[in-house]
Protein backbone atom coordinates (compact mmCIF):
# COMPACT_ATOMS: atom_id res chain seq x y z
CA ALA A 1 -10.59 -17.44 -3.13
CA THR A 2 -6.91 -16.53 -2.80
CA PRO A 3 -5.53 -14.65 -5.82
CA GLU A 4 -3.10 -16.57 -8.01
CA VAL A 5 0.52 -15.95 -7.10
CA VAL A 6 2.41 -14.41 -10.01
CA GLU A 7 5.99 -15.64 -10.04
CA ALA A 8 8.59 -12.90 -9.93
CA THR A 9 11.98 -12.79 -11.59
CA THR A 10 15.03 -14.29 -9.91
CA ALA A 11 15.93 -10.77 -8.80
CA SER A 12 12.59 -10.41 -7.04
CA PRO A 13 11.33 -13.82 -5.87
CA VAL A 14 7.90 -14.28 -4.35
CA ILE A 15 7.67 -16.32 -1.16
CA THR A 16 4.68 -17.50 0.84
CA ASP A 17 4.90 -16.73 4.54
CA ASP A 18 3.75 -18.95 7.40
CA PHE A 19 0.23 -17.56 7.04
CA GLY A 20 0.00 -18.39 3.35
CA VAL A 21 0.45 -14.78 2.23
CA PRO A 22 2.48 -14.18 -0.95
CA MET A 23 5.24 -11.62 -0.40
CA ALA A 24 7.73 -10.19 -2.91
CA LEU A 25 11.36 -9.44 -2.14
CA VAL A 26 12.48 -5.84 -2.59
CA ASP A 27 16.24 -5.95 -2.93
CA ALA A 28 18.62 -3.89 -0.83
CA GLY A 29 19.99 -0.75 -2.43
CA SER A 30 19.29 2.87 -3.20
CA PHE A 31 16.57 4.66 -5.11
CA LEU A 32 15.47 8.24 -5.69
CA MET A 33 12.54 9.20 -3.48
CA GLY A 34 10.20 12.11 -4.09
CA SER A 35 9.26 14.18 -7.12
CA THR A 36 9.59 17.67 -8.55
CA ARG A 37 6.23 17.29 -10.30
CA GLY A 38 3.97 17.02 -7.29
CA ALA A 39 3.16 18.78 -4.05
CA ARG A 40 5.58 20.60 -1.80
CA ASP A 41 5.81 17.67 0.60
CA GLU A 42 7.22 15.46 -2.18
CA MET A 43 10.34 17.62 -2.42
CA PRO A 44 13.26 17.54 -2.61
CA VAL A 45 14.08 14.41 -4.57
CA HIS A 46 16.65 12.59 -2.45
CA THR A 47 18.60 9.34 -2.42
CA VAL A 48 17.48 6.69 0.05
CA GLN A 49 19.34 3.48 0.88
CA LEU A 50 17.19 0.60 2.16
CA ASP A 51 17.89 -2.85 3.49
CA ALA A 52 16.12 -5.73 1.74
CA PHE A 53 12.56 -6.56 2.81
CA TYR A 54 9.55 -8.62 1.81
CA ILE A 55 6.23 -6.89 1.19
CA ASP A 56 2.75 -8.32 0.66
CA GLN A 57 1.99 -8.82 -3.01
CA TYR A 58 -1.63 -7.83 -2.36
CA GLU A 59 -3.48 -5.55 0.00
CA VAL A 60 -4.65 -7.35 3.15
CA THR A 61 -8.05 -8.88 2.47
CA ASN A 62 -11.17 -9.25 4.57
CA ALA A 63 -10.59 -13.00 4.90
CA ARG A 64 -6.97 -12.66 6.01
CA TYR A 65 -7.84 -9.94 8.51
CA ALA A 66 -10.72 -12.05 9.85
CA ASP A 67 -8.21 -14.82 10.65
CA CYS A 68 -6.44 -12.38 12.98
CA VAL A 69 -9.75 -11.38 14.60
CA THR A 70 -10.59 -15.06 15.14
CA ALA A 71 -7.17 -15.58 16.71
CA GLY A 72 -7.92 -12.77 19.17
CA ALA A 73 -5.02 -10.60 18.02
CA CYS A 74 -7.08 -8.08 16.04
CA THR A 75 -10.30 -6.18 16.57
CA SER A 76 -13.09 -6.13 14.00
CA PRO A 77 -13.21 -3.28 11.46
CA LEU A 78 -14.90 -0.09 12.64
CA ASP A 79 -17.70 -0.68 10.11
CA THR A 80 -18.81 -3.73 8.14
CA ARG A 81 -20.11 -1.85 5.09
CA SER A 82 -18.35 -0.57 1.99
CA THR A 83 -19.31 2.45 -0.08
CA THR A 84 -21.95 0.61 -2.10
CA HIS A 85 -22.39 -2.69 -0.22
CA ALA A 86 -24.40 -2.81 3.01
CA SER A 87 -22.83 -6.19 3.82
CA TYR A 88 -19.09 -6.28 3.12
CA TYR A 89 -16.77 -7.47 5.92
CA GLY A 90 -17.86 -10.97 6.95
CA ASN A 91 -19.68 -11.54 3.66
CA PRO A 92 -17.97 -14.45 1.79
CA ASP A 93 -18.62 -12.69 -1.53
CA PHE A 94 -16.00 -10.10 -0.50
CA ASP A 95 -13.42 -12.31 1.20
CA ASN A 96 -10.83 -11.44 -1.43
CA TYR A 97 -11.48 -7.69 -1.27
CA PRO A 98 -9.30 -5.33 0.80
CA VAL A 99 -10.20 -4.91 4.43
CA ILE A 100 -11.33 -1.32 5.11
CA TYR A 101 -12.39 0.76 8.09
CA VAL A 102 -9.15 -0.16 9.86
CA SER A 103 -7.28 2.42 11.93
CA TRP A 104 -3.49 2.66 11.99
CA PRO A 105 -3.15 0.72 15.30
CA MET A 106 -5.44 -2.00 13.94
CA ALA A 107 -3.32 -2.34 10.80
CA GLN A 108 -0.10 -2.46 12.80
CA ALA A 109 -1.57 -5.09 15.16
CA TYR A 110 -2.40 -7.33 12.21
CA CYS A 111 1.10 -7.03 10.75
CA GLU A 112 2.65 -7.79 14.14
CA TRP A 113 0.43 -10.88 14.45
CA ARG A 114 1.99 -12.11 11.22
CA GLY A 115 5.50 -11.39 12.50
CA GLY A 116 5.94 -8.19 10.53
CA ARG A 117 5.06 -4.51 10.60
CA LEU A 118 3.68 -1.75 8.40
CA PRO A 119 6.14 -0.59 5.73
CA THR A 120 7.97 2.67 6.16
CA GLU A 121 7.07 5.37 3.70
CA ALA A 122 10.40 4.87 1.93
CA GLU A 123 9.93 1.11 1.71
CA TRP A 124 6.46 1.58 0.25
CA GLU A 125 7.67 4.05 -2.39
CA LYS A 126 10.58 1.88 -3.53
CA ALA A 127 8.25 -1.11 -3.76
CA ALA A 128 5.84 0.92 -5.87
CA ARG A 129 8.32 2.51 -8.28
CA GLY A 130 11.39 0.27 -8.30
CA SER A 131 14.97 1.46 -8.14
CA ALA A 132 15.82 2.02 -11.79
CA ASP A 133 14.07 5.31 -12.56
CA GLU A 134 11.85 8.10 -11.25
CA ARG A 135 8.62 6.77 -12.72
CA THR A 136 5.35 8.49 -11.93
CA PHE A 137 3.18 5.36 -11.79
CA PRO A 138 3.98 1.76 -10.86
CA TRP A 139 3.88 0.77 -14.53
CA GLY A 140 6.10 3.66 -15.67
CA ASP A 141 5.68 6.94 -17.50
CA ASP A 142 5.14 5.81 -21.07
CA VAL A 143 1.42 5.04 -20.67
CA GLN A 144 -1.09 7.42 -19.14
CA PRO A 145 -3.42 5.73 -16.66
CA ASP A 146 -7.01 4.77 -17.25
CA CYS A 147 -9.39 2.32 -15.63
CA SER A 148 -7.55 -0.69 -17.02
CA PHE A 149 -4.50 0.06 -14.84
CA GLY A 150 -6.12 0.45 -11.44
CA ASN A 151 -9.21 1.23 -9.44
CA PHE A 152 -9.27 5.02 -9.23
CA SER A 153 -11.72 7.71 -10.27
CA GLY A 154 -11.42 10.45 -12.82
CA PHE A 155 -12.08 8.35 -15.90
CA ALA A 156 -15.28 7.17 -17.53
CA GLY A 157 -16.13 3.62 -16.51
CA CYS A 158 -14.09 3.48 -13.31
CA LEU A 159 -15.72 1.88 -10.31
CA ALA A 160 -17.11 3.64 -7.24
CA ASP A 161 -16.05 1.07 -4.64
CA VAL A 162 -13.22 -1.28 -3.79
CA VAL A 163 -12.58 -4.30 -6.01
CA ALA A 164 -10.97 -7.69 -5.42
CA VAL A 165 -7.24 -7.46 -4.83
CA GLY A 166 -5.04 -8.26 -7.80
CA SER A 167 -7.64 -7.26 -10.39
CA TYR A 168 -5.31 -5.14 -12.55
CA GLU A 169 -2.52 -7.06 -14.27
CA LYS A 170 -1.47 -3.98 -16.26
CA GLY A 171 -0.91 -1.92 -13.12
CA ILE A 172 1.66 -4.05 -11.26
CA SER A 173 4.83 -2.51 -9.90
CA PRO A 174 8.40 -3.54 -10.86
CA TYR A 175 8.35 -5.92 -7.88
CA LEU A 176 5.10 -7.53 -9.06
CA LEU A 177 2.92 -5.85 -6.47
CA TYR A 178 -0.74 -5.25 -7.19
CA ASP A 179 -2.91 -2.21 -6.42
CA MET A 180 -0.05 0.14 -5.52
CA ALA A 181 -2.14 2.71 -7.40
CA GLY A 182 -5.76 2.97 -6.33
CA ASN A 183 -8.25 0.61 -4.68
CA VAL A 184 -7.48 1.73 -1.08
CA TRP A 185 -5.08 4.15 0.54
CA GLU A 186 -2.52 2.11 2.47
CA TRP A 187 -1.30 2.97 5.95
CA VAL A 188 2.48 3.11 6.37
CA SER A 189 4.41 3.36 9.62
CA ASP A 190 5.62 6.98 9.43
CA TRP A 191 4.26 10.04 11.15
CA TYR A 192 3.57 12.74 8.56
CA GLY A 193 5.92 15.70 8.30
CA GLU A 194 5.44 18.13 5.43
CA LEU A 195 9.11 19.10 5.27
CA TYR A 196 10.60 15.79 6.42
CA TYR A 197 12.30 15.07 3.08
CA LYS A 198 14.55 18.10 3.54
CA ASP A 199 16.26 16.49 6.54
CA SER A 200 15.54 12.80 5.91
CA PRO A 201 18.43 10.45 6.68
CA GLU A 202 19.73 8.52 3.69
CA GLN A 203 19.81 5.13 5.41
CA ASN A 204 16.47 3.44 6.21
CA PRO A 205 14.47 6.57 7.12
CA ASN A 206 11.62 6.03 9.57
CA GLY A 207 9.89 9.40 9.40
CA PRO A 208 9.50 12.04 12.13
CA LYS A 209 9.64 10.96 15.77
CA ASN A 210 6.12 12.23 16.41
CA GLY A 211 3.21 13.97 14.73
CA VAL A 212 -0.55 14.29 14.44
CA HIS A 213 -1.22 12.29 11.27
CA ARG A 214 0.11 9.01 9.93
CA VAL A 215 1.05 8.70 6.26
CA MET A 216 -1.04 6.81 3.71
CA ARG A 217 0.15 5.89 0.25
CA GLY A 218 -1.21 4.75 -3.11
CA GLY A 219 -4.44 6.69 -3.47
CA ALA A 220 -7.86 5.06 -3.55
CA PHE A 221 -10.85 4.37 -5.74
CA LYS A 222 -12.26 7.79 -4.80
CA MET A 223 -9.12 9.62 -5.93
CA GLY A 224 -8.09 11.07 -9.27
CA VAL A 225 -4.89 10.47 -11.19
CA MET A 226 -2.71 12.87 -9.16
CA SER A 227 -3.35 10.88 -5.98
CA VAL A 228 -2.28 7.52 -7.42
CA ARG A 229 1.20 8.68 -8.38
CA VAL A 230 3.88 6.68 -6.54
CA THR A 231 5.20 9.80 -4.79
CA THR A 232 1.87 11.23 -3.55
CA ARG A 233 1.73 11.46 0.24
CA GLY A 234 -1.64 11.13 1.90
CA ARG A 235 -2.27 11.45 5.63
CA ASN A 236 -4.98 10.83 8.17
CA LEU A 237 -5.59 10.70 11.91
CA PRO A 238 -4.28 7.31 13.05
CA ASN A 239 -7.31 6.39 15.14
CA LYS A 240 -9.68 6.77 12.18
CA GLY A 241 -10.72 4.21 9.59
CA TYR A 242 -12.63 4.85 6.40
CA ASP A 243 -14.16 3.05 3.44
CA TYR A 244 -11.04 3.86 1.43
CA THR A 245 -8.24 2.91 3.88
CA GLY A 246 -6.45 -0.44 3.98
CA PHE A 247 -2.84 -1.63 4.21
CA ARG A 248 -0.22 -4.28 3.47
CA CYS A 249 2.67 -5.61 5.59
CA VAL A 250 6.43 -6.08 5.36
CA LYS A 251 8.85 -8.57 6.91
CA LEU A 252 12.64 -8.62 6.97
CA PRO A 253 14.39 -11.54 5.21
C-alpha cells in the first residue's frame, strides 16, 4: 500500500509526480550547512544558496523500484534479502519498505527514469534540517531522539531491520519528509571530499569533480544517534549496495 500523503503548508506544498510519487517543495534560498559539533568533514559551517527543488517525501520503495525494473530502465537489486528477512524484494509484504542493495548507478538510473536525479548533498541537508536554524535532527534540538522518532539503533526497543517508509510521524523534517534520520542511508549525487566544505561554492554546490566514494546521508537502522544527525556525512564505494543503503530523488520545478 502507498503511504498516506501528508499535506504540507502553503510554503511547502506536496505534489504527486507523473509516477504517483509524493514530492515536497523545498523553497529557494540560503541555509547554514555543516556543524561544529560533529566530525572534521562537517566543518566549517558555511552558507549555501540553493534553487528550489522537489524531493521525494519517502524513501524509494521496493514496489516503486520494481516498476522501473519492469519497464527495463533499472536492474534488480544486488540481493533480494534484508537483514532479517530471507524474502524481501519481490515479496508483497514488503512493497512499502525501502529498496536496498542498490548501488549508486542503480539509484541514479531510477531517478533518471522518473525524470529526476539524486539530490546533491546540499539539497539533502537543507531538506532534512530546513532553512531557519542549525538543528541537529530533522525534528529540532529540543527533544533527544529515541525509537519513536526514527528507525536507528542505540536505544532499547529499536528494530534491527528496515521498516515501512513513513512509519515515524514524530521524526519528519520541516519540509514534511519522512525517514531523513535512520531506516536506510541514502545515496546523494556528490563525490566525497573530506575537506570540500572549506572551498565549497556558495551557489548550488555539486561536490568534488571526482573521487573514490559517493556520499550517503541520513544514517540507517544499524547506526547510533551520532550517525542520524542531519549533518553527518557517510560514504561508500558507488558500485556497492548493502542491506542499509537506499535513496530518494529530486526534480526541479
